[in-house]
Protein backbone atom coordinates (compact mmCIF):
# COMPACT_ATOMS: atom_id res chain seq x y z
CA UNK A 1 -37.89 -41.77 3.17
CA UNK A 2 -39.76 -40.53 6.22
CA UNK A 3 -43.37 -39.37 5.76
CA UNK A 4 -44.01 -35.85 7.04
CA UNK A 5 -47.38 -34.36 7.80
CA UNK A 6 -48.29 -30.73 8.39
CA UNK A 7 -51.37 -28.55 8.54
CA UNK A 8 -49.81 -25.33 7.19
CA UNK A 9 -47.44 -25.81 4.25
CA UNK A 10 -46.16 -22.19 4.29
CA UNK A 11 -45.33 -22.38 8.00
CA UNK A 12 -43.65 -25.75 7.50
CA UNK A 13 -41.48 -24.38 4.67
CA UNK A 14 -40.47 -21.41 6.82
CA UNK A 15 -39.53 -23.79 9.62
CA UNK A 16 -37.42 -25.86 7.20
CA UNK A 17 -35.39 -22.82 6.17
CA UNK A 18 -34.77 -21.54 9.70
CA UNK A 19 -34.37 -24.56 11.96
CA UNK A 20 -30.69 -25.30 12.80
CA UNK A 21 -29.28 -28.45 11.25
CA UNK A 22 -28.85 -31.28 13.74
CA UNK A 23 -25.15 -32.06 14.35
CA UNK A 24 -23.99 -35.46 13.18
CA UNK A 25 -20.59 -36.94 14.14
CA UNK A 26 -17.96 -36.19 11.52
CA UNK A 27 -20.34 -34.37 9.15
CA UNK A 28 -21.06 -30.78 8.14
CA UNK A 29 -24.57 -30.21 6.84
CA UNK A 30 -24.54 -27.74 3.94
CA UNK A 31 -28.21 -28.14 3.03
CA UNK A 32 -30.12 -24.89 2.73
CA UNK A 33 -27.12 -22.81 1.69
CA UNK A 34 -27.08 -20.77 -1.51
CA UNK A 35 -25.13 -22.64 -4.24
CA UNK A 36 -22.18 -20.23 -4.45
CA UNK A 37 -21.53 -19.95 -0.71
CA UNK A 38 -21.79 -23.74 -0.43
CA UNK A 39 -19.15 -24.17 -3.12
CA UNK A 40 -16.93 -21.54 -1.48
CA UNK A 41 -17.01 -23.34 1.87
CA UNK A 42 -16.28 -26.68 0.22
CA UNK A 43 -13.37 -25.12 -1.70
CA UNK A 44 -12.01 -23.54 1.46
CA UNK A 45 -12.16 -26.83 3.36
CA UNK A 46 -10.30 -28.65 0.59
CA UNK A 47 -7.62 -25.96 0.32
CA UNK A 48 -7.18 -26.03 4.10
CA UNK A 49 -6.11 -29.66 3.88
CA UNK A 50 -3.46 -28.78 1.28
CA UNK A 51 -1.51 -26.51 3.62
CA UNK A 52 1.77 -27.77 5.02
CA UNK A 53 0.92 -26.37 8.46
CA UNK A 54 -2.88 -25.96 8.60
CA UNK A 55 -4.36 -24.04 11.50
CA UNK A 56 -6.69 -25.81 13.88
CA UNK A 57 -10.32 -26.02 12.84
CA UNK A 58 -12.81 -27.51 15.24
CA UNK A 59 -15.83 -29.09 13.55
CA UNK A 60 -18.11 -26.89 15.64
CA UNK A 61 -16.44 -23.75 14.31
CA UNK A 62 -17.16 -24.75 10.72
CA UNK A 63 -20.74 -25.62 11.66
CA UNK A 64 -21.08 -22.17 13.22
CA UNK A 65 -19.96 -20.59 9.93
CA UNK A 66 -22.47 -22.69 7.99
CA UNK A 67 -25.27 -21.78 10.40
CA UNK A 68 -24.41 -18.08 10.08
CA UNK A 69 -24.49 -18.24 6.27
CA UNK A 70 -27.77 -20.15 6.35
CA UNK A 71 -29.44 -17.79 8.82
CA UNK A 72 -28.34 -14.66 6.93
CA UNK A 73 -29.11 -16.21 3.51
CA UNK A 74 -25.60 -15.28 2.33
CA UNK A 75 -25.03 -15.52 -1.40
CA UNK A 76 -21.22 -15.44 -1.07
CA UNK A 77 -18.63 -15.22 1.69
CA UNK A 78 -17.41 -12.03 0.04
CA UNK A 79 -20.72 -10.33 0.92
CA UNK A 80 -21.05 -11.89 4.39
CA UNK A 81 -21.31 -9.19 7.05
CA UNK A 82 -19.09 -10.22 9.97
CA UNK A 83 -20.78 -7.99 12.50
CA UNK A 84 -21.95 -8.62 16.05
CA UNK A 85 -22.92 -12.17 16.85
CA UNK A 86 -20.17 -13.75 14.74
CA UNK A 87 -17.56 -15.64 16.75
CA UNK A 88 -13.85 -14.99 16.44
CA UNK A 89 -13.31 -18.51 15.10
CA UNK A 90 -15.89 -17.92 12.37
CA UNK A 91 -14.17 -14.69 11.37
CA UNK A 92 -10.81 -16.47 11.15
CA UNK A 93 -12.23 -19.24 8.93
CA UNK A 94 -13.92 -16.72 6.62
CA UNK A 95 -10.70 -14.72 6.36
CA UNK A 96 -8.70 -17.79 5.38
CA UNK A 97 -11.26 -18.95 2.80
CA UNK A 98 -11.47 -15.46 1.30
CA UNK A 99 -7.69 -15.51 0.92
CA UNK A 100 -8.01 -18.62 -1.25
CA UNK A 101 -10.98 -17.19 -3.15
CA UNK A 102 -9.15 -13.98 -4.09
CA UNK A 103 -6.67 -16.07 -6.06
CA UNK A 104 -9.60 -17.57 -7.99
CA UNK A 105 -11.86 -14.54 -8.37
CA UNK A 106 -9.23 -11.89 -9.22
CA UNK A 107 -6.64 -11.72 -11.97
CA UNK A 108 -3.49 -9.69 -11.21
CA UNK A 109 -4.93 -6.75 -13.18
CA UNK A 110 -8.19 -6.89 -11.24
CA UNK A 111 -6.29 -7.12 -7.95
CA UNK A 112 -4.31 -4.00 -8.94
CA UNK A 113 -7.53 -2.16 -9.70
CA UNK A 114 -9.03 -3.23 -6.36
CA UNK A 115 -5.95 -2.08 -4.44
CA UNK A 116 -4.34 -5.26 -3.21
CA UNK A 117 -1.56 -7.61 -4.32
CA UNK A 118 -1.38 -11.39 -4.12
CA UNK A 119 2.18 -12.74 -4.15
CA UNK A 120 0.90 -16.17 -5.25
CA UNK A 121 -0.18 -14.59 -8.54
CA UNK A 122 3.59 -14.41 -9.17
CA UNK A 123 4.41 -17.85 -7.78
CA UNK A 124 5.74 -16.48 -4.48
CA UNK A 125 4.62 -17.37 -0.95
CA UNK A 126 6.79 -16.10 1.88
CA UNK A 127 7.31 -18.30 4.97
CA UNK A 128 4.66 -17.88 7.68
CA UNK A 129 2.85 -15.17 5.70
CA UNK A 130 -0.35 -14.96 3.73
CA UNK A 131 -0.22 -14.07 0.04
CA UNK A 132 -2.40 -10.96 0.48
CA UNK A 133 -0.94 -7.43 0.80
CA UNK A 134 -3.51 -4.67 1.25
CA UNK A 135 -2.55 -1.38 -0.47
CA UNK A 136 -5.87 0.43 -0.02
CA UNK A 137 -4.32 2.52 2.76
CA UNK A 138 -2.43 4.49 0.09
CA UNK A 139 -4.88 7.36 -0.64
CA UNK A 140 -3.64 8.39 -4.11
CA UNK A 141 -4.43 5.96 -6.96
CA UNK A 142 -1.24 6.94 -8.86
CA UNK A 143 0.96 6.16 -5.84
CA UNK A 144 -0.95 2.97 -5.12
CA UNK A 145 -0.51 1.77 -8.72
CA UNK A 146 3.15 2.82 -8.68
CA UNK A 147 3.70 0.75 -5.52
CA UNK A 148 1.81 -2.23 -6.94
CA UNK A 149 3.86 -2.18 -10.15
CA UNK A 150 7.14 -1.85 -8.26
CA UNK A 151 6.39 -4.80 -5.95
CA UNK A 152 5.10 -6.90 -8.85
CA UNK A 153 8.32 -6.27 -10.83
CA UNK A 154 10.33 -7.20 -7.74
CA UNK A 155 8.43 -10.47 -7.35
CA UNK A 156 9.05 -11.31 -11.02
CA UNK A 157 12.76 -10.49 -10.88
CA UNK A 158 15.72 -12.78 -10.05
CA UNK A 159 16.26 -10.54 -7.02
CA UNK A 160 12.93 -11.48 -5.42
CA UNK A 161 13.36 -11.21 -1.64
CA UNK A 162 13.33 -14.34 0.51
CA UNK A 163 11.11 -12.82 3.18
CA UNK A 164 8.17 -10.44 3.24
CA UNK A 165 10.05 -7.72 5.14
CA UNK A 166 11.02 -5.67 2.04
CA UNK A 167 7.44 -5.84 0.75
CA UNK A 168 6.16 -4.63 4.12
CA UNK A 169 8.70 -1.79 3.97
CA UNK A 170 7.58 -0.56 0.54
CA UNK A 171 3.94 -0.76 1.59
CA UNK A 172 4.55 1.19 4.79
CA UNK A 173 6.64 3.84 3.02
CA UNK A 174 3.93 4.39 0.41
CA UNK A 175 1.18 4.63 3.05
CA UNK A 176 3.15 7.11 5.17
CA UNK A 177 3.99 9.27 2.15
CA UNK A 178 0.45 9.05 0.77
CA UNK A 179 -1.21 10.10 4.03
CA UNK A 180 1.26 12.98 4.44
CA UNK A 181 0.56 14.22 0.90
CA UNK A 182 -3.18 14.02 1.47
CA UNK A 183 -2.79 16.30 4.49
CA UNK A 184 -0.15 18.70 3.19
CA UNK A 185 0.02 18.69 -0.62
CA UNK A 186 -2.28 20.63 -2.98
CA UNK A 187 -5.35 18.63 -3.92
CA UNK A 188 -4.38 15.98 -1.39
CA UNK A 189 -1.52 14.88 -3.64
CA UNK A 190 -3.89 13.22 -6.09
CA UNK A 191 -2.37 15.06 -9.06
CA UNK A 192 1.34 14.13 -9.18
CA UNK A 193 2.02 16.97 -11.63
CA UNK A 194 1.46 19.44 -8.77
CA UNK A 195 4.06 17.90 -6.48
CA UNK A 196 7.44 19.56 -6.05
CA UNK A 197 10.67 19.00 -4.21
CA UNK A 198 9.37 21.06 -1.29
CA UNK A 199 6.70 18.47 -0.55
CA UNK A 200 9.25 15.69 -0.22
CA UNK A 201 11.50 17.93 1.89
CA UNK A 202 8.57 18.55 4.23
CA UNK A 203 7.80 14.83 4.38
CA UNK A 204 11.40 14.07 5.37
CA UNK A 205 11.35 16.84 7.99
CA UNK A 206 8.03 15.61 9.37
CA UNK A 207 9.27 12.03 9.74
CA UNK A 208 12.49 13.15 11.45
CA UNK A 209 10.46 15.37 13.80
CA UNK A 210 8.17 12.48 14.71
CA UNK A 211 11.18 10.27 15.36
CA UNK A 212 12.92 12.88 17.51
CA UNK A 213 9.85 13.75 19.60
CA UNK A 214 8.45 10.19 19.79
CA UNK A 215 5.27 11.31 18.03
CA UNK A 216 2.81 8.82 16.53
CA UNK A 217 2.98 7.67 12.94
CA UNK A 218 0.56 9.20 10.45
CA UNK A 219 -0.64 5.93 9.01
CA UNK A 220 0.66 2.78 10.67
CA UNK A 221 -1.49 1.34 13.42
CA UNK A 222 -0.80 -1.19 16.14
CA UNK A 223 -2.96 -4.33 16.42
CA UNK A 224 -5.29 -2.53 18.85
CA UNK A 225 -5.82 0.35 16.40
CA UNK A 226 -3.70 2.97 18.15
CA UNK A 227 -1.07 4.85 16.15
CA UNK A 228 2.45 3.61 16.77
CA UNK A 229 5.50 5.88 17.15
CA UNK A 230 8.22 6.42 14.53
CA UNK A 231 11.22 4.69 16.15
CA UNK A 232 14.81 5.40 15.19
CA UNK A 233 15.23 1.82 13.96
CA UNK A 234 12.45 1.90 11.36
CA UNK A 235 12.62 5.51 10.12
CA UNK A 236 15.81 4.85 8.03
CA UNK A 237 14.19 1.70 6.60
CA UNK A 238 11.13 3.75 5.64
CA UNK A 239 13.31 6.37 3.91
CA UNK A 240 15.27 3.69 2.03
CA UNK A 241 12.07 2.03 0.84
CA UNK A 242 10.55 5.34 -0.28
CA UNK A 243 13.75 6.27 -2.09
CA UNK A 244 13.92 2.95 -3.98
CA UNK A 245 10.24 3.14 -4.85
CA UNK A 246 10.35 6.67 -6.23
CA UNK A 247 13.73 6.45 -7.94
CA UNK A 248 12.55 3.43 -9.90
CA UNK A 249 9.78 5.51 -11.50
CA UNK A 250 11.99 7.28 -14.10
CA UNK A 251 13.66 3.99 -15.10
CA UNK A 252 10.30 2.38 -15.82
CA UNK A 253 8.97 5.56 -17.49
CA UNK A 254 6.23 5.72 -14.87
CA UNK A 255 7.33 9.24 -13.91
CA UNK A 256 6.85 10.53 -17.45
CA UNK A 257 3.49 8.83 -17.72
CA UNK A 258 2.31 10.33 -14.42
CA UNK A 259 3.70 13.79 -15.14
């Protein structure tokens, strides 16, 4: 124990909560963190060591994450605002830990409600891919749920794909169709009972027109955020995925349920 003296207890307590922790070789100081965020970081560090091919993590990067959580008095990494002043390495670490936390915090039903799918909920992890597939880009809840159910059934089946490419195809097809319906269908396509054959005919014609004229996609974005074109190589794959997705609806009685 080291005796500490001070003239102003309130000022000393404020200093204790704001002063950066002194780095110590081989250690990460988690003192001063809220209990939940401390446990989340510990869990993320342990899970990182379990990966067959873990990404590089410099000790300073983890300390930067801890300092950010301490300075912003974060209660959980889920609520941590990764705005200006947060390094790219810190963002990457938070993203990886949140991936692990989603498997703990969300059941498959809760993930469906939130608009994403975790393949590890079904015992599947594709090579060189994360478990997380974001479906929130599909505007219509009925189409988003239909896509989630279709992919979940595929992951449970003996015909589960060996790579993530088919899953990416179904996701892209649903996003493209959903964005088109929101722009062109009555009520933004949110009521499936109002949709008719003419809407799908117009979707097909629109996609072929975009392919022919090298126009940008409605929904899919490149890493920089710009809309990518509809190339001749991927347009047939998109049509095939949309066809499989929608033709499965009558077999599972989803079409009757949705009207």
